[in-house]
Amino acid sequence: MPEAEIRQFAPSAQRNRDPILAVMRETLPAKGLVLEIASGSGEHAMHFAAALPGLSFQPSDPNAEARASIDAWAKEAALPNLLPALALDASTPGWPLARADGVICINMIHISPWAATQGLIAEAARLLPPGGPLYLYGPYRQSGVPLAPSNAAFDESLRGRDPRWGLRELDTVAALAAAAGFGPPEVTAMPANNLSVVFRKR
């Protein structure tokens, strides 16, 4: 199959990649290895690798079609710092890496069972050095903040597709991260009622 037919396109990636990149420039180290969990189409990994040449990006996804798309985008971009996609399920312990200088995860936590978030935080804590960032992006429920109508409708649609899915309480995610050895969340409001949430390894 031609590479152009293997590549997947995520319209949201085109819209949010630059706002996310702006936060990541302030969050990620200047050099090192960044692991992306649930890379999806691969468009984010390609964009970030092109913009941050001092970092090596390791995309991953549990879905074989997604990994094929990631690698097709990478072949087109021909970036030396964009690595082949790994088969990795966030909810399964024992990820096939010994270390990472940063871990990023975009739009996964609300579209996966809670076990995926538990695995993400536990394994990120294992891989990251002290001070290393875990960067999360997506919509959340926040204590004392009314849920935007668009997010409420999105949450309802997610739960209709799979009752294990849905917007998570940021306080619950932060408590899980704290128990794993991370500091408090650094939260940045993003377009379309999303958040950038950064946890740093203590």
N, C-alpha and C. Protein backbone atom coordinates (compact mmCIF):
# COMPACT_ATOMS: atom_id res chain seq x y z
N MET A 1 0.85 -1.19 0.00
CA MET A 1 0.00 0.00 0.00
C MET A 1 0.89 1.25 0.00
N PRO A 2 0.57 2.25 -0.85
CA PRO A 2 1.38 3.48 -0.86
C PRO A 2 1.40 4.16 0.51
N GLU A 3 2.53 4.82 0.79
CA GLU A 3 2.68 5.48 2.08
C GLU A 3 1.56 6.48 2.34
N ALA A 4 1.13 7.18 1.28
CA ALA A 4 0.10 8.20 1.45
C ALA A 4 -1.21 7.60 1.92
N GLU A 5 -1.47 6.32 1.59
CA GLU A 5 -2.70 5.68 2.02
C GLU A 5 -2.58 5.11 3.43
N ILE A 6 -1.37 4.85 3.89
CA ILE A 6 -1.14 4.32 5.24
C ILE A 6 -1.26 5.43 6.28
N ARG A 7 -0.85 6.63 5.89
CA ARG A 7 -0.85 7.74 6.84
C ARG A 7 -2.27 8.09 7.28
N GLN A 8 -2.44 8.28 8.58
CA GLN A 8 -3.71 8.73 9.12
C GLN A 8 -3.64 10.23 9.39
N PHE A 9 -4.81 10.87 9.38
CA PHE A 9 -4.88 12.32 9.62
C PHE A 9 -5.84 12.57 10.78
N ALA A 10 -5.37 13.31 11.76
CA ALA A 10 -6.20 13.69 12.90
C ALA A 10 -6.40 15.21 12.83
N PRO A 11 -7.60 15.68 12.47
CA PRO A 11 -7.81 17.14 12.35
C PRO A 11 -7.44 17.90 13.62
N SER A 12 -7.67 17.30 14.79
CA SER A 12 -7.34 17.99 16.03
C SER A 12 -5.84 18.22 16.16
N ALA A 13 -5.03 17.32 15.59
CA ALA A 13 -3.58 17.47 15.68
C ALA A 13 -3.12 18.73 14.96
N GLN A 14 -3.75 19.04 13.83
CA GLN A 14 -3.40 20.26 13.11
C GLN A 14 -3.76 21.50 13.93
N ARG A 15 -4.85 21.42 14.68
CA ARG A 15 -5.30 22.59 15.45
C ARG A 15 -4.50 22.79 16.73
N ASN A 16 -4.13 21.70 17.39
CA ASN A 16 -3.55 21.88 18.74
C ASN A 16 -2.04 21.72 18.81
N ARG A 17 -1.41 21.33 17.70
CA ARG A 17 0.02 21.01 17.79
C ARG A 17 0.89 22.21 18.16
N ASP A 18 0.56 23.39 17.66
CA ASP A 18 1.40 24.56 17.98
C ASP A 18 1.17 25.08 19.39
N PRO A 19 -0.08 25.17 19.89
CA PRO A 19 -0.25 25.51 21.30
C PRO A 19 0.43 24.52 22.24
N ILE A 20 0.36 23.22 21.91
CA ILE A 20 1.04 22.22 22.73
C ILE A 20 2.55 22.41 22.66
N LEU A 21 3.06 22.64 21.47
CA LEU A 21 4.50 22.84 21.31
C LEU A 21 5.00 24.02 22.13
N ALA A 22 4.20 25.09 22.19
CA ALA A 22 4.62 26.26 22.97
C ALA A 22 4.81 25.91 24.44
N VAL A 23 3.93 25.08 25.00
CA VAL A 23 4.07 24.66 26.39
C VAL A 23 5.24 23.69 26.53
N MET A 24 5.38 22.79 25.56
CA MET A 24 6.46 21.80 25.65
C MET A 24 7.84 22.45 25.58
N ARG A 25 7.96 23.55 24.85
CA ARG A 25 9.25 24.26 24.80
C ARG A 25 9.68 24.72 26.20
N GLU A 26 8.69 25.03 27.03
CA GLU A 26 8.97 25.48 28.40
C GLU A 26 9.07 24.32 29.38
N THR A 27 8.69 23.13 28.94
CA THR A 27 8.56 21.98 29.84
C THR A 27 9.65 20.94 29.66
N LEU A 28 9.95 20.61 28.42
CA LEU A 28 10.88 19.52 28.14
C LEU A 28 12.33 19.99 28.27
N PRO A 29 13.25 19.07 28.57
CA PRO A 29 14.67 19.44 28.59
C PRO A 29 15.16 19.77 27.18
N ALA A 30 16.32 20.39 27.09
CA ALA A 30 16.85 20.78 25.78
C ALA A 30 17.34 19.58 24.99
N LYS A 31 17.78 18.55 25.71
CA LYS A 31 18.31 17.35 25.05
C LYS A 31 17.78 16.11 25.77
N GLY A 32 17.84 14.98 25.06
CA GLY A 32 17.45 13.72 25.67
C GLY A 32 16.40 13.00 24.86
N LEU A 33 15.81 11.98 25.48
CA LEU A 33 14.82 11.11 24.83
C LEU A 33 13.43 11.40 25.41
N VAL A 34 12.48 11.66 24.53
CA VAL A 34 11.09 11.90 24.93
C VAL A 34 10.24 10.75 24.40
N LEU A 35 9.55 10.08 25.30
CA LEU A 35 8.64 9.00 24.94
C LEU A 35 7.23 9.55 24.82
N GLU A 36 6.59 9.31 23.68
CA GLU A 36 5.18 9.69 23.51
C GLU A 36 4.32 8.44 23.62
N ILE A 37 3.33 8.49 24.50
CA ILE A 37 2.39 7.40 24.69
C ILE A 37 1.13 7.68 23.89
N ALA A 38 0.60 6.63 23.22
CA ALA A 38 -0.62 6.76 22.42
C ALA A 38 -0.44 7.83 21.34
N SER A 39 0.54 7.61 20.48
CA SER A 39 0.90 8.62 19.47
C SER A 39 -0.14 8.75 18.35
N GLY A 40 -1.05 7.78 18.22
CA GLY A 40 -2.12 7.91 17.23
C GLY A 40 -1.60 7.97 15.81
N SER A 41 -1.97 9.02 15.07
CA SER A 41 -1.59 9.13 13.67
C SER A 41 -0.09 9.33 13.48
N GLY A 42 0.58 9.92 14.48
CA GLY A 42 2.01 10.22 14.36
C GLY A 42 2.31 11.65 13.97
N GLU A 43 1.27 12.43 13.72
CA GLU A 43 1.48 13.81 13.28
C GLU A 43 2.11 14.68 14.37
N HIS A 44 1.72 14.47 15.62
CA HIS A 44 2.33 15.23 16.71
C HIS A 44 3.82 14.93 16.81
N ALA A 45 4.17 13.65 16.82
CA ALA A 45 5.58 13.27 16.98
C ALA A 45 6.43 13.89 15.87
N MET A 46 5.93 13.86 14.64
CA MET A 46 6.68 14.43 13.52
C MET A 46 6.85 15.94 13.71
N HIS A 47 5.78 16.62 14.11
CA HIS A 47 5.83 18.08 14.28
C HIS A 47 6.80 18.46 15.40
N PHE A 48 6.74 17.74 16.51
CA PHE A 48 7.60 18.08 17.65
C PHE A 48 9.06 17.76 17.34
N ALA A 49 9.31 16.65 16.66
CA ALA A 49 10.69 16.29 16.32
C ALA A 49 11.31 17.33 15.39
N ALA A 50 10.51 17.85 14.45
CA ALA A 50 11.03 18.87 13.53
C ALA A 50 11.32 20.17 14.27
N ALA A 51 10.50 20.50 15.26
CA ALA A 51 10.65 21.78 15.97
C ALA A 51 11.69 21.74 17.08
N LEU A 52 11.97 20.52 17.61
CA LEU A 52 12.88 20.38 18.76
C LEU A 52 14.00 19.40 18.41
N PRO A 53 14.93 19.82 17.55
CA PRO A 53 15.94 18.89 17.04
C PRO A 53 16.92 18.37 18.09
N GLY A 54 17.00 19.02 19.24
CA GLY A 54 17.89 18.55 20.29
C GLY A 54 17.36 17.33 21.02
N LEU A 55 16.08 17.03 20.82
CA LEU A 55 15.45 15.89 21.48
C LEU A 55 15.19 14.76 20.50
N SER A 56 15.31 13.53 20.98
CA SER A 56 14.89 12.37 20.21
C SER A 56 13.49 11.98 20.66
N PHE A 57 12.59 11.73 19.71
CA PHE A 57 11.21 11.40 20.03
C PHE A 57 10.94 9.93 19.72
N GLN A 58 10.44 9.23 20.73
CA GLN A 58 10.09 7.82 20.60
C GLN A 58 8.56 7.70 20.64
N PRO A 59 7.92 7.61 19.47
CA PRO A 59 6.47 7.43 19.46
C PRO A 59 6.10 5.98 19.80
N SER A 60 4.85 5.80 20.23
CA SER A 60 4.37 4.45 20.54
C SER A 60 2.86 4.41 20.42
N ASP A 61 2.33 3.22 20.20
CA ASP A 61 0.89 3.03 20.17
C ASP A 61 0.60 1.53 20.24
N PRO A 62 -0.50 1.14 20.90
CA PRO A 62 -0.84 -0.29 20.93
C PRO A 62 -1.45 -0.79 19.63
N ASN A 63 -1.89 0.12 18.76
CA ASN A 63 -2.62 -0.23 17.55
C ASN A 63 -1.67 -0.35 16.35
N ALA A 64 -1.72 -1.47 15.65
CA ALA A 64 -0.80 -1.71 14.54
C ALA A 64 -1.01 -0.72 13.39
N GLU A 65 -2.26 -0.36 13.11
CA GLU A 65 -2.51 0.60 12.03
C GLU A 65 -1.97 1.98 12.41
N ALA A 66 -2.10 2.34 13.67
CA ALA A 66 -1.54 3.62 14.11
C ALA A 66 -0.02 3.61 13.97
N ARG A 67 0.61 2.51 14.37
CA ARG A 67 2.08 2.44 14.25
C ARG A 67 2.52 2.53 12.79
N ALA A 68 1.75 1.93 11.89
CA ALA A 68 2.08 2.02 10.47
C ALA A 68 1.97 3.47 9.99
N SER A 69 0.96 4.18 10.48
CA SER A 69 0.80 5.59 10.12
C SER A 69 1.96 6.42 10.67
N ILE A 70 2.32 6.17 11.93
CA ILE A 70 3.43 6.90 12.55
C ILE A 70 4.70 6.72 11.72
N ASP A 71 4.98 5.48 11.34
CA ASP A 71 6.21 5.20 10.60
C ASP A 71 6.15 5.75 9.18
N ALA A 72 4.96 5.82 8.59
CA ALA A 72 4.82 6.41 7.25
C ALA A 72 5.09 7.91 7.30
N TRP A 73 4.55 8.58 8.32
CA TRP A 73 4.86 10.01 8.50
C TRP A 73 6.35 10.21 8.74
N ALA A 74 6.94 9.34 9.56
CA ALA A 74 8.37 9.48 9.86
C ALA A 74 9.22 9.27 8.62
N LYS A 75 8.82 8.31 7.77
CA LYS A 75 9.58 8.07 6.53
C LYS A 75 9.54 9.30 5.64
N GLU A 76 8.37 9.93 5.56
CA GLU A 76 8.23 11.13 4.73
C GLU A 76 9.08 12.27 5.29
N ALA A 77 9.07 12.43 6.62
CA ALA A 77 9.79 13.55 7.23
C ALA A 77 11.30 13.34 7.23
N ALA A 78 11.72 12.08 7.31
CA ALA A 78 13.15 11.72 7.30
C ALA A 78 13.94 12.52 8.34
N LEU A 79 13.40 12.56 9.56
CA LEU A 79 14.06 13.27 10.65
C LEU A 79 14.94 12.31 11.45
N PRO A 80 16.20 12.65 11.68
CA PRO A 80 17.08 11.72 12.40
C PRO A 80 16.69 11.53 13.86
N ASN A 81 15.91 12.43 14.41
CA ASN A 81 15.54 12.36 15.84
C ASN A 81 14.13 11.82 16.05
N LEU A 82 13.52 11.21 15.01
CA LEU A 82 12.19 10.60 15.13
C LEU A 82 12.36 9.09 14.94
N LEU A 83 12.15 8.34 16.01
CA LEU A 83 12.44 6.90 16.03
C LEU A 83 11.23 6.09 15.57
N PRO A 84 11.47 4.83 15.15
CA PRO A 84 10.36 3.96 14.76
C PRO A 84 9.39 3.73 15.93
N ALA A 85 8.12 3.59 15.60
CA ALA A 85 7.08 3.45 16.62
C ALA A 85 7.21 2.13 17.38
N LEU A 86 6.99 2.21 18.69
CA LEU A 86 7.00 1.03 19.54
C LEU A 86 5.57 0.53 19.75
N ALA A 87 5.41 -0.79 19.84
CA ALA A 87 4.14 -1.38 20.27
C ALA A 87 4.10 -1.30 21.79
N LEU A 88 3.20 -0.48 22.31
CA LEU A 88 3.18 -0.24 23.76
C LEU A 88 1.76 0.06 24.20
N ASP A 89 1.29 -0.70 25.17
CA ASP A 89 -0.02 -0.49 25.79
C ASP A 89 0.22 0.13 27.15
N ALA A 90 -0.30 1.34 27.37
CA ALA A 90 -0.03 2.06 28.61
C ALA A 90 -0.43 1.28 29.84
N SER A 91 -1.47 0.44 29.73
CA SER A 91 -1.98 -0.27 30.90
C SER A 91 -1.17 -1.51 31.25
N THR A 92 -0.23 -1.89 30.38
CA THR A 92 0.58 -3.09 30.60
C THR A 92 1.93 -2.70 31.18
N PRO A 93 2.28 -3.19 32.38
CA PRO A 93 3.56 -2.80 32.99
C PRO A 93 4.75 -3.39 32.25
N GLY A 94 5.93 -2.84 32.53
CA GLY A 94 7.15 -3.33 31.91
C GLY A 94 7.36 -2.80 30.51
N TRP A 95 7.21 -1.49 30.34
CA TRP A 95 7.42 -0.89 29.02
C TRP A 95 8.83 -1.18 28.53
N PRO A 96 9.02 -1.29 27.20
CA PRO A 96 10.32 -1.70 26.64
C PRO A 96 11.35 -0.58 26.56
N LEU A 97 11.46 0.21 27.61
CA LEU A 97 12.49 1.23 27.72
C LEU A 97 13.04 1.20 29.13
N ALA A 98 14.30 1.59 29.27
CA ALA A 98 14.93 1.64 30.59
C ALA A 98 14.85 3.03 31.20
N ARG A 99 14.72 4.06 30.34
CA ARG A 99 14.72 5.43 30.84
C ARG A 99 14.15 6.35 29.78
N ALA A 100 13.74 7.54 30.20
CA ALA A 100 13.33 8.62 29.30
C ALA A 100 13.54 9.93 30.04
N ASP A 101 13.84 10.98 29.29
CA ASP A 101 14.04 12.30 29.89
C ASP A 101 12.74 13.10 29.96
N GLY A 102 11.74 12.65 29.24
CA GLY A 102 10.41 13.24 29.28
C GLY A 102 9.41 12.23 28.75
N VAL A 103 8.19 12.29 29.25
CA VAL A 103 7.10 11.45 28.76
C VAL A 103 5.94 12.37 28.43
N ILE A 104 5.36 12.21 27.23
CA ILE A 104 4.22 13.03 26.82
C ILE A 104 3.06 12.12 26.43
N CYS A 105 1.84 12.59 26.69
CA CYS A 105 0.64 11.81 26.39
C CYS A 105 -0.48 12.79 26.07
N ILE A 106 -0.94 12.76 24.83
CA ILE A 106 -1.92 13.73 24.34
C ILE A 106 -3.23 13.03 24.02
N ASN A 107 -4.29 13.48 24.66
CA ASN A 107 -5.64 12.99 24.36
C ASN A 107 -5.79 11.47 24.48
N MET A 108 -5.26 10.91 25.55
CA MET A 108 -5.47 9.48 25.81
C MET A 108 -6.29 9.22 27.05
N ILE A 109 -6.06 10.00 28.11
CA ILE A 109 -6.60 9.63 29.42
C ILE A 109 -8.12 9.52 29.41
N HIS A 110 -8.79 10.37 28.66
CA HIS A 110 -10.26 10.33 28.63
C HIS A 110 -10.81 9.31 27.63
N ILE A 111 -9.96 8.79 26.76
CA ILE A 111 -10.42 7.84 25.74
C ILE A 111 -9.75 6.49 25.98
N SER A 112 -9.72 6.06 27.22
CA SER A 112 -9.12 4.78 27.59
C SER A 112 -9.62 4.41 28.98
N PRO A 113 -9.53 3.13 29.35
CA PRO A 113 -9.89 2.74 30.71
C PRO A 113 -8.94 3.38 31.73
N TRP A 114 -9.38 3.50 32.96
CA TRP A 114 -8.58 4.09 34.03
C TRP A 114 -7.26 3.35 34.21
N ALA A 115 -7.23 2.06 33.91
CA ALA A 115 -5.99 1.28 34.02
C ALA A 115 -4.88 1.85 33.14
N ALA A 116 -5.24 2.48 32.02
CA ALA A 116 -4.22 3.08 31.15
C ALA A 116 -3.56 4.27 31.84
N THR A 117 -4.34 5.07 32.56
CA THR A 117 -3.78 6.20 33.30
C THR A 117 -2.91 5.70 34.45
N GLN A 118 -3.36 4.67 35.15
CA GLN A 118 -2.57 4.09 36.23
C GLN A 118 -1.23 3.58 35.71
N GLY A 119 -1.26 2.88 34.58
CA GLY A 119 -0.02 2.37 33.99
C GLY A 119 0.88 3.48 33.50
N LEU A 120 0.28 4.49 32.88
CA LEU A 120 1.04 5.64 32.38
C LEU A 120 1.84 6.29 33.50
N ILE A 121 1.19 6.57 34.60
CA ILE A 121 1.85 7.29 35.69
C ILE A 121 2.87 6.40 36.39
N ALA A 122 2.56 5.13 36.59
CA ALA A 122 3.50 4.23 37.25
C ALA A 122 4.77 4.03 36.42
N GLU A 123 4.60 3.82 35.11
CA GLU A 123 5.77 3.58 34.26
C GLU A 123 6.56 4.86 34.02
N ALA A 124 5.87 6.00 33.91
CA ALA A 124 6.59 7.27 33.77
C ALA A 124 7.45 7.53 35.00
N ALA A 125 6.92 7.20 36.17
CA ALA A 125 7.70 7.37 37.40
C ALA A 125 8.94 6.49 37.39
N ARG A 126 8.82 5.32 36.79
CA ARG A 126 9.98 4.42 36.71
C ARG A 126 11.04 4.95 35.74
N LEU A 127 10.59 5.51 34.63
CA LEU A 127 11.51 5.90 33.56
C LEU A 127 12.20 7.24 33.77
N LEU A 128 11.49 8.18 34.42
CA LEU A 128 11.98 9.56 34.46
C LEU A 128 13.01 9.78 35.57
N PRO A 129 13.98 10.67 35.32
CA PRO A 129 14.92 11.06 36.38
C PRO A 129 14.26 12.09 37.29
N PRO A 130 14.85 12.40 38.44
CA PRO A 130 14.33 13.49 39.28
C PRO A 130 14.20 14.78 38.46
N GLY A 131 13.05 15.41 38.57
CA GLY A 131 12.79 16.62 37.81
C GLY A 131 12.24 16.38 36.42
N GLY A 132 12.25 15.12 35.97
CA GLY A 132 11.77 14.80 34.63
C GLY A 132 10.28 15.03 34.50
N PRO A 133 9.82 15.58 33.36
CA PRO A 133 8.42 15.94 33.21
C PRO A 133 7.56 14.84 32.57
N LEU A 134 6.36 14.71 33.10
CA LEU A 134 5.28 13.95 32.47
C LEU A 134 4.28 14.99 32.00
N TYR A 135 4.12 15.11 30.68
CA TYR A 135 3.24 16.13 30.09
C TYR A 135 1.96 15.46 29.60
N LEU A 136 0.82 15.94 30.07
CA LEU A 136 -0.49 15.44 29.67
C LEU A 136 -1.30 16.56 29.04
N TYR A 137 -2.08 16.21 28.01
CA TYR A 137 -2.93 17.20 27.35
C TYR A 137 -4.31 16.60 27.14
N GLY A 138 -5.33 17.41 27.38
CA GLY A 138 -6.69 16.98 27.11
C GLY A 138 -7.68 17.69 27.99
N PRO A 139 -8.96 17.32 27.92
CA PRO A 139 -9.98 17.92 28.77
C PRO A 139 -10.05 17.22 30.13
N TYR A 140 -10.33 17.97 31.17
CA TYR A 140 -10.44 17.42 32.53
C TYR A 140 -11.62 18.07 33.25
N ARG A 141 -12.08 17.40 34.28
CA ARG A 141 -12.97 18.02 35.26
C ARG A 141 -12.09 18.64 36.34
N GLN A 142 -12.39 19.88 36.73
CA GLN A 142 -11.63 20.57 37.77
C GLN A 142 -12.55 20.96 38.91
N SER A 143 -12.11 20.72 40.12
CA SER A 143 -12.89 21.06 41.30
C SER A 143 -13.16 22.56 41.33
N GLY A 144 -14.42 22.93 41.48
CA GLY A 144 -14.80 24.33 41.57
C GLY A 144 -14.90 25.05 40.25
N VAL A 145 -14.67 24.34 39.13
CA VAL A 145 -14.75 24.96 37.80
C VAL A 145 -15.89 24.30 37.03
N PRO A 146 -16.92 25.06 36.64
CA PRO A 146 -18.03 24.47 35.89
C PRO A 146 -17.53 23.83 34.59
N LEU A 147 -18.08 22.67 34.26
CA LEU A 147 -17.68 21.98 33.04
C LEU A 147 -18.29 22.70 31.84
N ALA A 148 -17.45 23.05 30.86
CA ALA A 148 -17.95 23.72 29.65
C ALA A 148 -18.98 22.83 28.96
N PRO A 149 -20.03 23.41 28.40
CA PRO A 149 -21.06 22.60 27.74
C PRO A 149 -20.49 21.65 26.68
N SER A 150 -19.49 22.11 25.93
CA SER A 150 -18.90 21.24 24.91
C SER A 150 -18.20 20.04 25.54
N ASN A 151 -17.54 20.26 26.67
CA ASN A 151 -16.88 19.15 27.36
C ASN A 151 -17.89 18.21 28.00
N ALA A 152 -18.99 18.75 28.51
CA ALA A 152 -20.04 17.90 29.08
C ALA A 152 -20.63 17.00 28.00
N ALA A 153 -20.88 17.56 26.81
CA ALA A 153 -21.41 16.76 25.71
C ALA A 153 -20.39 15.72 25.25
N PHE A 154 -19.13 16.11 25.21
CA PHE A 154 -18.07 15.19 24.82
C PHE A 154 -17.97 14.04 25.82
N ASP A 155 -18.03 14.35 27.09
CA ASP A 155 -17.96 13.34 28.14
C ASP A 155 -19.12 12.35 28.00
N GLU A 156 -20.30 12.86 27.75
CA GLU A 156 -21.46 11.99 27.59
C GLU A 156 -21.30 11.06 26.39
N SER A 157 -20.76 11.60 25.29
CA SER A 157 -20.57 10.78 24.09
C SER A 157 -19.51 9.71 24.32
N LEU A 158 -18.46 10.05 25.06
CA LEU A 158 -17.41 9.07 25.36
C LEU A 158 -17.97 7.93 26.19
N ARG A 159 -18.73 8.26 27.23
CA ARG A 159 -19.29 7.23 28.11
C ARG A 159 -20.31 6.37 27.37
N GLY A 160 -20.96 6.97 26.36
CA GLY A 160 -21.88 6.20 25.54
C GLY A 160 -21.16 5.18 24.67
N ARG A 161 -19.96 5.52 24.24
CA ARG A 161 -19.16 4.60 23.43
C ARG A 161 -18.54 3.50 24.28
N ASP A 162 -18.10 3.86 25.48
CA ASP A 162 -17.48 2.89 26.39
C ASP A 162 -17.61 3.44 27.81
N PRO A 163 -18.33 2.75 28.68
CA PRO A 163 -18.54 3.28 30.03
C PRO A 163 -17.26 3.44 30.84
N ARG A 164 -16.16 2.85 30.37
CA ARG A 164 -14.87 2.98 31.06
C ARG A 164 -14.16 4.28 30.68
N TRP A 165 -14.67 4.98 29.68
CA TRP A 165 -14.07 6.21 29.20
C TRP A 165 -14.73 7.41 29.87
N GLY A 166 -14.19 8.60 29.62
CA GLY A 166 -14.79 9.83 30.11
C GLY A 166 -13.76 10.77 30.70
N LEU A 167 -14.16 12.05 30.83
CA LEU A 167 -13.26 13.05 31.40
C LEU A 167 -12.94 12.71 32.85
N ARG A 168 -11.66 12.80 33.20
CA ARG A 168 -11.20 12.47 34.55
C ARG A 168 -11.15 13.72 35.43
N GLU A 169 -11.30 13.49 36.71
CA GLU A 169 -11.11 14.56 37.69
C GLU A 169 -9.60 14.85 37.81
N LEU A 170 -9.22 16.08 37.59
CA LEU A 170 -7.80 16.42 37.67
C LEU A 170 -7.24 16.12 39.06
N ASP A 171 -8.03 16.34 40.10
CA ASP A 171 -7.57 16.06 41.46
C ASP A 171 -7.27 14.57 41.64
N THR A 172 -8.05 13.70 40.99
CA THR A 172 -7.84 12.26 41.10
C THR A 172 -6.55 11.86 40.38
N VAL A 173 -6.32 12.44 39.21
CA VAL A 173 -5.08 12.17 38.48
C VAL A 173 -3.88 12.69 39.28
N ALA A 174 -4.01 13.87 39.87
CA ALA A 174 -2.92 14.45 40.66
C ALA A 174 -2.61 13.60 41.88
N ALA A 175 -3.64 13.04 42.52
CA ALA A 175 -3.42 12.18 43.68
C ALA A 175 -2.69 10.90 43.28
N LEU A 176 -3.05 10.35 42.13
CA LEU A 176 -2.36 9.16 41.62
C LEU A 176 -0.89 9.48 41.34
N ALA A 177 -0.64 10.64 40.73
CA ALA A 177 0.73 11.05 40.42
C ALA A 177 1.53 11.29 41.70
N ALA A 178 0.91 11.92 42.69
CA ALA A 178 1.61 12.17 43.95
C ALA A 178 2.01 10.87 44.62
N ALA A 179 1.13 9.88 44.58
CA ALA A 179 1.43 8.59 45.19
C ALA A 179 2.57 7.87 44.47
N ALA A 180 2.77 8.21 43.20
CA ALA A 180 3.84 7.59 42.41
C ALA A 180 5.16 8.36 42.51
N GLY A 181 5.16 9.51 43.20
CA GLY A 181 6.40 10.24 43.39
C GLY A 181 6.54 11.49 42.56
N PHE A 182 5.41 12.02 42.08
CA PHE A 182 5.44 13.27 41.31
C PHE A 182 5.00 14.44 42.18
N GLY A 183 5.45 15.63 41.81
CA GLY A 183 5.03 16.85 42.48
C GLY A 183 3.65 17.28 42.01
N PRO A 184 3.18 18.43 42.50
CA PRO A 184 1.84 18.91 42.14
C PRO A 184 1.77 19.29 40.66
N PRO A 185 0.56 19.29 40.09
CA PRO A 185 0.43 19.59 38.67
C PRO A 185 0.69 21.06 38.35
N GLU A 186 1.36 21.30 37.24
CA GLU A 186 1.50 22.64 36.67
C GLU A 186 0.49 22.72 35.53
N VAL A 187 -0.52 23.54 35.67
CA VAL A 187 -1.67 23.53 34.76
C VAL A 187 -1.68 24.79 33.90
N THR A 188 -1.83 24.60 32.58
CA THR A 188 -1.94 25.71 31.63
C THR A 188 -3.23 25.55 30.84
N ALA A 189 -4.09 26.57 30.85
CA ALA A 189 -5.31 26.54 30.05
C ALA A 189 -4.95 26.59 28.57
N MET A 190 -5.64 25.76 27.78
CA MET A 190 -5.38 25.64 26.35
C MET A 190 -6.65 25.94 25.57
N PRO A 191 -6.53 26.13 24.25
CA PRO A 191 -7.75 26.37 23.44
C PRO A 191 -8.74 25.20 23.54
N ALA A 192 -9.98 25.50 23.23
CA ALA A 192 -11.05 24.49 23.15
C ALA A 192 -11.27 23.77 24.48
N ASN A 193 -11.10 24.49 25.58
CA ASN A 193 -11.38 23.96 26.92
C ASN A 193 -10.53 22.74 27.28
N ASN A 194 -9.32 22.70 26.78
CA ASN A 194 -8.36 21.66 27.16
C ASN A 194 -7.34 22.24 28.14
N LEU A 195 -6.56 21.33 28.73
CA LEU A 195 -5.51 21.73 29.66
C LEU A 195 -4.20 21.05 29.28
N SER A 196 -3.11 21.75 29.52
CA SER A 196 -1.78 21.13 29.59
C SER A 196 -1.49 20.92 31.07
N VAL A 197 -1.14 19.69 31.44
CA VAL A 197 -0.87 19.35 32.83
C VAL A 197 0.52 18.72 32.89
N VAL A 198 1.40 19.30 33.69
CA VAL A 198 2.77 18.79 33.82
C VAL A 198 3.01 18.33 35.24
N PHE A 199 3.46 17.09 35.37
CA PHE A 199 3.92 16.57 36.67
C PHE A 199 5.42 16.34 36.58
N ARG A 200 6.15 16.76 37.59
CA ARG A 200 7.60 16.53 37.60
C ARG A 200 7.97 15.51 38.66
N LYS A 201 8.84 14.61 38.28
CA LYS A 201 9.29 13.57 39.20
C LYS A 201 10.06 14.21 40.35
N ARG A 202 9.70 13.84 41.58
CA ARG A 202 10.39 14.39 42.75
C ARG A 202 11.81 13.84 42.81
